[in-house]
PDB file of N, CA and C in Angstrom:
ATOM      1  N   MET A   1     -18.800  12.741  21.618  1.00  0.00           N
ATOM      2  CA  MET A   1     -19.251  11.369  21.436  1.00  0.00           C
ATOM      3  C   MET A   1     -18.166  10.430  21.940  1.00  0.00           C
ATOM      4  N   TYR A   2     -18.531   9.467  22.739  1.00  0.00           N
ATOM      5  CA  TYR A   2     -17.601   8.505  23.313  1.00  0.00           C
ATOM      6  C   TYR A   2     -17.881   7.134  22.727  1.00  0.00           C
ATOM      7  N   PHE A   3     -16.842   6.485  22.238  1.00  0.00           N
ATOM      8  CA  PHE A   3     -16.969   5.155  21.669  1.00  0.00           C
ATOM      9  C   PHE A   3     -16.197   4.177  22.547  1.00  0.00           C
ATOM     10  N   ALA A   4     -16.874   3.246  23.161  1.00  0.00           N
ATOM     11  CA  ALA A   4     -16.227   2.250  23.999  1.00  0.00           C
ATOM     12  C   ALA A   4     -16.104   0.941  23.230  1.00  0.00           C
ATOM     13  N   CYS A   5     -14.937   0.377  23.269  1.00  0.00           N
ATOM     14  CA  CYS A   5     -14.704  -0.885  22.589  1.00  0.00           C
ATOM     15  C   CYS A   5     -14.257  -1.914  23.622  1.00  0.00           C
ATOM     16  N   PRO A   6     -14.882  -3.074  23.629  1.00  0.00           N
ATOM     17  CA  PRO A   6     -14.436  -4.098  24.567  1.00  0.00           C
ATOM     18  C   PRO A   6     -13.060  -4.621  24.172  1.00  0.00           C
ATOM     19  N   GLU A   7     -12.313  -5.054  25.172  1.00  0.00           N
ATOM     20  CA  GLU A   7     -11.005  -5.626  24.881  1.00  0.00           C
ATOM     21  C   GLU A   7     -11.181  -6.917  24.095  1.00  0.00           C
ATOM     22  N   MET A   8     -10.280  -7.133  23.162  1.00  0.00           N
ATOM     23  CA  MET A   8     -10.290  -8.372  22.395  1.00  0.00           C
ATOM     24  C   MET A   8      -9.226  -9.289  22.973  1.00  0.00           C
ATOM     25  N   HIS A   9      -9.484 -10.557  22.949  1.00  0.00           N
ATOM     26  CA  HIS A   9      -8.551 -11.510  23.539  1.00  0.00           C
ATOM     27  C   HIS A   9      -7.823 -12.300  22.459  1.00  0.00           C
ATOM     28  N   LEU A  10      -7.257 -11.574  21.522  1.00  0.00           N
ATOM     29  CA  LEU A  10      -6.487 -12.182  20.438  1.00  0.00           C
ATOM     30  C   LEU A  10      -5.073 -12.450  20.931  1.00  0.00           C
ATOM     31  N   ARG A  11      -4.535 -13.596  20.591  1.00  0.00           N
ATOM     32  CA  ARG A  11      -3.150 -13.901  20.948  1.00  0.00           C
ATOM     33  C   ARG A  11      -2.243 -13.848  19.723  1.00  0.00           C
ATOM     34  N   ASN A  12      -2.719 -14.388  18.616  1.00  0.00           N
ATOM     35  CA  ASN A  12      -1.945 -14.423  17.383  1.00  0.00           C
ATOM     36  C   ASN A  12      -2.821 -13.953  16.235  1.00  0.00           C
ATOM     37  N   VAL A  13      -2.252 -13.090  15.397  1.00  0.00           N
ATOM     38  CA  VAL A  13      -2.976 -12.546  14.248  1.00  0.00           C
ATOM     39  C   VAL A  13      -2.053 -12.630  13.041  1.00  0.00           C
ATOM     40  N   LYS A  14      -2.607 -13.056  11.910  1.00  0.00           N
ATOM     41  CA  LYS A  14      -1.843 -13.056  10.660  1.00  0.00           C
ATOM     42  C   LYS A  14      -2.622 -12.241   9.641  1.00  0.00           C
ATOM     43  N   ILE A  15      -1.954 -11.264   9.054  1.00  0.00           N
ATOM     44  CA  ILE A  15      -2.558 -10.419   8.029  1.00  0.00           C
ATOM     45  C   ILE A  15      -1.747 -10.615   6.758  1.00  0.00           C
ATOM     46  N   ASP A  16      -2.371 -11.174   5.742  1.00  0.00           N
ATOM     47  CA  ASP A  16      -1.696 -11.508   4.492  1.00  0.00           C
ATOM     48  C   ASP A  16      -2.270 -10.665   3.367  1.00  0.00           C
ATOM     49  N   GLY A  17      -1.395 -10.083   2.553  1.00  0.00           N
ATOM     50  CA  GLY A  17      -1.844  -9.321   1.398  1.00  0.00           C
ATOM     51  C   GLY A  17      -2.092  -7.855   1.674  1.00  0.00           C
ATOM     52  N   ILE A  18      -1.428  -7.303   2.661  1.00  0.00           N
ATOM     53  CA  ILE A  18      -1.604  -5.886   2.985  1.00  0.00           C
ATOM     54  C   ILE A  18      -0.835  -5.019   1.988  1.00  0.00           C
ATOM     55  N   SER A  19      -1.431  -3.890   1.616  1.00  0.00           N
ATOM     56  CA  SER A  19      -0.772  -2.985   0.668  1.00  0.00           C
ATOM     57  C   SER A  19      -0.336  -1.683   1.325  1.00  0.00           C
ATOM     58  N   GLY A  20      -0.777  -1.447   2.565  1.00  0.00           N
ATOM     59  CA  GLY A  20      -0.338  -0.255   3.280  1.00  0.00           C
ATOM     60  C   GLY A  20      -1.260   0.943   3.153  1.00  0.00           C
ATOM     61  N   ILE A  21      -2.480   0.743   2.640  1.00  0.00           N
ATOM     62  CA  ILE A  21      -3.403   1.872   2.541  1.00  0.00           C
ATOM     63  C   ILE A  21      -3.949   2.207   3.930  1.00  0.00           C
ATOM     64  N   LYS A  22      -4.424   3.424   4.081  1.00  0.00           N
ATOM     65  CA  LYS A  22      -4.838   3.932   5.388  1.00  0.00           C
ATOM     66  C   LYS A  22      -5.853   3.055   6.117  1.00  0.00           C
ATOM     67  N   PRO A  23      -6.921   2.564   5.470  1.00  0.00           N
ATOM     68  CA  PRO A  23      -7.874   1.716   6.204  1.00  0.00           C
ATOM     69  C   PRO A  23      -7.214   0.447   6.774  1.00  0.00           C
ATOM     70  N   GLU A  24      -6.281  -0.136   6.044  1.00  0.00           N
ATOM     71  CA  GLU A  24      -5.573  -1.316   6.548  1.00  0.00           C
ATOM     72  C   GLU A  24      -4.725  -0.958   7.767  1.00  0.00           C
ATOM     73  N   LEU A  25      -4.018   0.147   7.676  1.00  0.00           N
ATOM     74  CA  LEU A  25      -3.175   0.586   8.789  1.00  0.00           C
ATOM     75  C   LEU A  25      -4.023   0.954  10.004  1.00  0.00           C
ATOM     76  N   ASP A  26      -5.167   1.572   9.767  1.00  0.00           N
ATOM     77  CA  ASP A  26      -6.089   1.897  10.866  1.00  0.00           C
ATOM     78  C   ASP A  26      -6.579   0.627  11.560  1.00  0.00           C
ATOM     79  N   PHE A  27      -6.871  -0.394  10.790  1.00  0.00           N
ATOM     80  CA  PHE A  27      -7.329  -1.661  11.355  1.00  0.00           C
ATOM     81  C   PHE A  27      -6.244  -2.305  12.210  1.00  0.00           C
ATOM     82  N   ILE A  28      -5.011  -2.313  11.712  1.00  0.00           N
ATOM     83  CA  ILE A  28      -3.896  -2.885  12.472  1.00  0.00           C
ATOM     84  C   ILE A  28      -3.680  -2.098  13.757  1.00  0.00           C
ATOM     85  N   SER A  29      -3.726  -0.783  13.660  1.00  0.00           N
ATOM     86  CA  SER A  29      -3.577   0.060  14.838  1.00  0.00           C
ATOM     87  C   SER A  29      -4.669  -0.249  15.863  1.00  0.00           C
ATOM     88  N   PHE A  30      -5.897  -0.409  15.399  1.00  0.00           N
ATOM     89  CA  PHE A  30      -7.023  -0.754  16.261  1.00  0.00           C
ATOM     90  C   PHE A  30      -6.766  -2.075  16.988  1.00  0.00           C
ATOM     91  N   LEU A  31      -6.313  -3.087  16.249  1.00  0.00           N
ATOM     92  CA  LEU A  31      -6.032  -4.381  16.865  1.00  0.00           C
ATOM     93  C   LEU A  31      -4.957  -4.265  17.942  1.00  0.00           C
ATOM     94  N   LEU A  32      -3.922  -3.493  17.671  1.00  0.00           N
ATOM     95  CA  LEU A  32      -2.832  -3.336  18.635  1.00  0.00           C
ATOM     96  C   LEU A  32      -3.279  -2.586  19.885  1.00  0.00           C
ATOM     97  N   LEU A  33      -4.180  -1.646  19.714  1.00  0.00           N
ATOM     98  CA  LEU A  33      -4.643  -0.844  20.854  1.00  0.00           C
ATOM     99  C   LEU A  33      -5.678  -1.548  21.728  1.00  0.00           C
ATOM    100  N   TYR A  34      -6.402  -2.530  21.183  1.00  0.00           N
ATOM    101  CA  TYR A  34      -7.492  -3.167  21.927  1.00  0.00           C
ATOM    102  C   TYR A  34      -7.288  -4.671  22.130  1.00  0.00           C
ATOM    103  N   SER A  35      -6.061  -5.136  22.040  1.00  0.00           N
ATOM    104  CA  SER A  35      -5.764  -6.555  22.254  1.00  0.00           C
ATOM    105  C   SER A  35      -4.683  -6.689  23.322  1.00  0.00           C
ATOM    106  N   PRO A  36      -5.064  -6.662  24.601  1.00  0.00           N
ATOM    107  CA  PRO A  36      -4.075  -6.649  25.673  1.00  0.00           C
ATOM    108  C   PRO A  36      -3.278  -7.945  25.848  1.00  0.00           C
ATOM    109  N   VAL A  37      -3.762  -9.058  25.299  1.00  0.00           N
ATOM    110  CA  VAL A  37      -3.021 -10.312  25.434  1.00  0.00           C
ATOM    111  C   VAL A  37      -2.350 -10.731  24.122  1.00  0.00           C
ATOM    112  N   LEU A  38      -2.299  -9.821  23.162  1.00  0.00           N
ATOM    113  CA  LEU A  38      -1.680 -10.130  21.873  1.00  0.00           C
ATOM    114  C   LEU A  38      -0.208 -10.474  22.061  1.00  0.00           C
ATOM    115  N   GLU A  39       0.202 -11.567  21.462  1.00  0.00           N
ATOM    116  CA  GLU A  39       1.593 -11.995  21.536  1.00  0.00           C
ATOM    117  C   GLU A  39       2.334 -11.763  20.232  1.00  0.00           C
ATOM    118  N   ARG A  40       1.665 -12.071  19.118  1.00  0.00           N
ATOM    119  CA  ARG A  40       2.361 -11.959  17.832  1.00  0.00           C
ATOM    120  C   ARG A  40       1.392 -11.564  16.732  1.00  0.00           C
ATOM    121  N   MET A  41       1.814 -10.618  15.911  1.00  0.00           N
ATOM    122  CA  MET A  41       1.073 -10.233  14.719  1.00  0.00           C
ATOM    123  C   MET A  41       2.018 -10.426  13.532  1.00  0.00           C
ATOM    124  N   ILE A  42       1.630 -11.292  12.615  1.00  0.00           N
ATOM    125  CA  ILE A  42       2.425 -11.542  11.412  1.00  0.00           C
ATOM    126  C   ILE A  42       1.797 -10.761  10.272  1.00  0.00           C
ATOM    127  N   VAL A  43       2.598  -9.956   9.603  1.00  0.00           N
ATOM    128  CA  VAL A  43       2.122  -9.111   8.505  1.00  0.00           C
ATOM    129  C   VAL A  43       2.914  -9.459   7.252  1.00  0.00           C
ATOM    130  N   LYS A  44       2.200  -9.788   6.189  1.00  0.00           N
ATOM    131  CA  LYS A  44       2.841 -10.089   4.907  1.00  0.00           C
ATOM    132  C   LYS A  44       2.225  -9.204   3.831  1.00  0.00           C
ATOM    133  N   PRO A  45       3.024  -8.339   3.206  1.00  0.00           N
ATOM    134  CA  PRO A  45       2.485  -7.441   2.175  1.00  0.00           C
ATOM    135  C   PRO A  45       2.141  -8.190   0.893  1.00  0.00           C
ATOM    136  N   VAL A  46       1.301  -7.565   0.095  1.00  0.00           N
ATOM    137  CA  VAL A  46       0.872  -8.137  -1.170  1.00  0.00           C
ATOM    138  C   VAL A  46       2.032  -8.198  -2.172  1.00  0.00           C
ATOM    139  N   SER A  47       2.929  -7.245  -2.092  1.00  0.00           N
ATOM    140  CA  SER A  47       4.112  -7.225  -2.957  1.00  0.00           C
ATOM    141  C   SER A  47       5.239  -6.581  -2.166  1.00  0.00           C
ATOM    142  N   ASN A  48       6.405  -6.575  -2.724  1.00  0.00           N
ATOM    143  CA  ASN A  48       7.549  -5.990  -2.028  1.00  0.00           C
ATOM    144  C   ASN A  48       7.426  -4.474  -2.092  1.00  0.00           C
ATOM    145  N   ILE A  49       6.851  -3.881  -1.071  1.00  0.00           N
ATOM    146  CA  ILE A  49       6.583  -2.443  -1.079  1.00  0.00           C
ATOM    147  C   ILE A  49       7.603  -1.656  -0.263  1.00  0.00           C
ATOM    148  N   GLY A  50       8.697  -2.304   0.084  1.00  0.00           N
ATOM    149  CA  GLY A  50       9.776  -1.593   0.764  1.00  0.00           C
ATOM    150  C   GLY A  50       9.631  -1.559   2.270  1.00  0.00           C
ATOM    151  N   THR A  51      10.525  -0.830   2.895  1.00  0.00           N
ATOM    152  CA  THR A  51      10.597  -0.809   4.350  1.00  0.00           C
ATOM    153  C   THR A  51       9.696   0.245   4.984  1.00  0.00           C
ATOM    154  N   GLU A  52       9.074   1.100   4.195  1.00  0.00           N
ATOM    155  CA  GLU A  52       8.222   2.151   4.768  1.00  0.00           C
ATOM    156  C   GLU A  52       7.046   1.570   5.545  1.00  0.00           C
ATOM    157  N   LEU A  53       6.432   0.516   5.023  1.00  0.00           N
ATOM    158  CA  LEU A  53       5.321  -0.117   5.719  1.00  0.00           C
ATOM    159  C   LEU A  53       5.808  -0.688   7.046  1.00  0.00           C
ATOM    160  N   MET A  54       6.943  -1.352   7.021  1.00  0.00           N
ATOM    161  CA  MET A  54       7.484  -1.931   8.244  1.00  0.00           C
ATOM    162  C   MET A  54       7.764  -0.844   9.282  1.00  0.00           C
ATOM    163  N   LYS A  55       8.333   0.263   8.863  1.00  0.00           N
ATOM    164  CA  LYS A  55       8.616   1.374   9.778  1.00  0.00           C
ATOM    165  C   LYS A  55       7.328   1.929  10.371  1.00  0.00           C
ATOM    166  N   GLU A  56       6.295   2.037   9.563  1.00  0.00           N
ATOM    167  CA  GLU A  56       5.007   2.543  10.029  1.00  0.00           C
ATOM    168  C   GLU A  56       4.410   1.600  11.071  1.00  0.00           C
ATOM    169  N   LEU A  57       4.469   0.312  10.813  1.00  0.00           N
ATOM    170  CA  LEU A  57       3.913  -0.665  11.744  1.00  0.00           C
ATOM    171  C   LEU A  57       4.630  -0.642  13.091  1.00  0.00           C
ATOM    172  N   LEU A  58       5.920  -0.484  13.064  1.00  0.00           N
ATOM    173  CA  LEU A  58       6.698  -0.480  14.305  1.00  0.00           C
ATOM    174  C   LEU A  58       6.424   0.751  15.156  1.00  0.00           C
ATOM    175  N   ARG A  59       5.926   1.806  14.562  1.00  0.00           N
ATOM    176  CA  ARG A  59       5.618   3.031  15.306  1.00  0.00           C
ATOM    177  C   ARG A  59       4.282   2.958  16.041  1.00  0.00           C
ATOM    178  N   PHE A  60       3.431   2.028  15.669  1.00  0.00           N
ATOM    179  CA  PHE A  60       2.114   1.938  16.299  1.00  0.00           C
ATOM    180  C   PHE A  60       2.228   1.600  17.778  1.00  0.00           C
ATOM    181  N   ARG A  61       1.395   2.244  18.575  1.00  0.00           N
ATOM    182  CA  ARG A  61       1.321   1.944  20.004  1.00  0.00           C
ATOM    183  C   ARG A  61       0.626   0.606  20.206  1.00  0.00           C
ATOM    184  N   ARG A  62       1.015  -0.075  21.276  1.00  0.00           N
ATOM    185  CA  ARG A  62       0.434  -1.381  21.602  1.00  0.00           C
ATOM    186  C   ARG A  62       0.038  -1.396  23.057  1.00  0.00           C
ATOM    187  N   VAL A  63      -1.093  -1.999  23.344  1.00  0.00           N
ATOM    188  CA  VAL A  63      -1.534  -2.126  24.725  1.00  0.00           C
ATOM    189  C   VAL A  63      -0.864  -3.335  25.384  1.00  0.00           C
ATOM    190  N   SER A  64      -0.503  -4.333  24.612  1.00  0.00           N
ATOM    191  CA  SER A  64       0.169  -5.516  25.138  1.00  0.00           C
ATOM    192  C   SER A  64       1.679  -5.276  25.150  1.00  0.00           C
ATOM    193  N   ARG A  65       2.284  -5.473  26.302  1.00  0.00           N
ATOM    194  CA  ARG A  65       3.732  -5.279  26.415  1.00  0.00           C
ATOM    195  C   ARG A  65       4.521  -6.335  25.651  1.00  0.00           C
ATOM    196  N   GLN A  66       3.921  -7.478  25.436  1.00  0.00           N
ATOM    197  CA  GLN A  66       4.643  -8.549  24.761  1.00  0.00           C
ATOM    198  C   GLN A  66       4.314  -8.672  23.274  1.00  0.00           C
ATOM    199  N   ALA A  67       3.482  -7.802  22.757  1.00  0.00           N
ATOM    200  CA  ALA A  67       3.093  -7.885  21.348  1.00  0.00           C
ATOM    201  C   ALA A  67       4.297  -7.649  20.440  1.00  0.00           C
ATOM    202  N   GLU A  68       4.499  -8.586  19.546  1.00  0.00           N
ATOM    203  CA  GLU A  68       5.588  -8.479  18.580  1.00  0.00           C
ATOM    204  C   GLU A  68       4.991  -8.473  17.188  1.00  0.00           C
ATOM    205  N   ILE A  69       5.552  -7.651  16.316  1.00  0.00           N
ATOM    206  CA  ILE A  69       5.124  -7.603  14.926  1.00  0.00           C
ATOM    207  C   ILE A  69       6.206  -8.268  14.100  1.00  0.00           C
ATOM    208  N   VAL A  70       5.805  -9.303  13.347  1.00  0.00           N
ATOM    209  CA  VAL A  70       6.712 -10.012  12.471  1.00  0.00           C
ATOM    210  C   VAL A  70       6.350  -9.607  11.047  1.00  0.00           C
ATOM    211  N   TYR A  71       7.299  -9.026  10.337  1.00  0.00           N
ATOM    212  CA  TYR A  71       7.071  -8.551   8.970  1.00  0.00           C
ATOM    213  C   TYR A  71       7.725  -9.542   8.020  1.00  0.00           C
ATOM    214  N   LEU A  72       6.922 -10.175   7.163  1.00  0.00           N
ATOM    215  CA  LEU A  72       7.434 -11.143   6.207  1.00  0.00           C
ATOM    216  C   LEU A  72       7.535 -10.517   4.826  1.00  0.00           C
ATOM    217  N   ASP A  73       8.674 -10.680   4.173  1.00  0.00           N
ATOM    218  CA  ASP A  73       8.808 -10.215   2.792  1.00  0.00           C
ATOM    219  C   ASP A  73       7.896 -11.033   1.897  1.00  0.00           C
ATOM    220  N   SER A  74       7.400 -10.409   0.866  1.00  0.00           N
ATOM    221  CA  SER A  74       6.503 -11.110  -0.048  1.00  0.00           C
ATOM    222  C   SER A  74       7.261 -11.912  -1.101  1.00  0.00           C
ATOM    223  N   SER A  75       8.581 -11.837  -1.082  1.00  0.00           N
ATOM    224  CA  SER A  75       9.364 -12.552  -2.088  1.00  0.00           C
ATOM    225  C   SER A  75       9.501 -14.020  -1.795  1.00  0.00           C
TER     226      SER A  75
END
């Protein structure tokens, strides 16, 4: 089965209240893979859940060469 997804033309994305569960991470990964003009993604966790979430986000592949992930502490 082949699933084709059209490219999204997102430039800036802000995700507030993330807890790091798999569906949330899958969604972020999807956005990074299908947004070729993405410039900045701001991620703010629901609580101070440590650096593991940040490390996971930085490992995700991105289709946009200029996509930057900004991780904001919840404090």
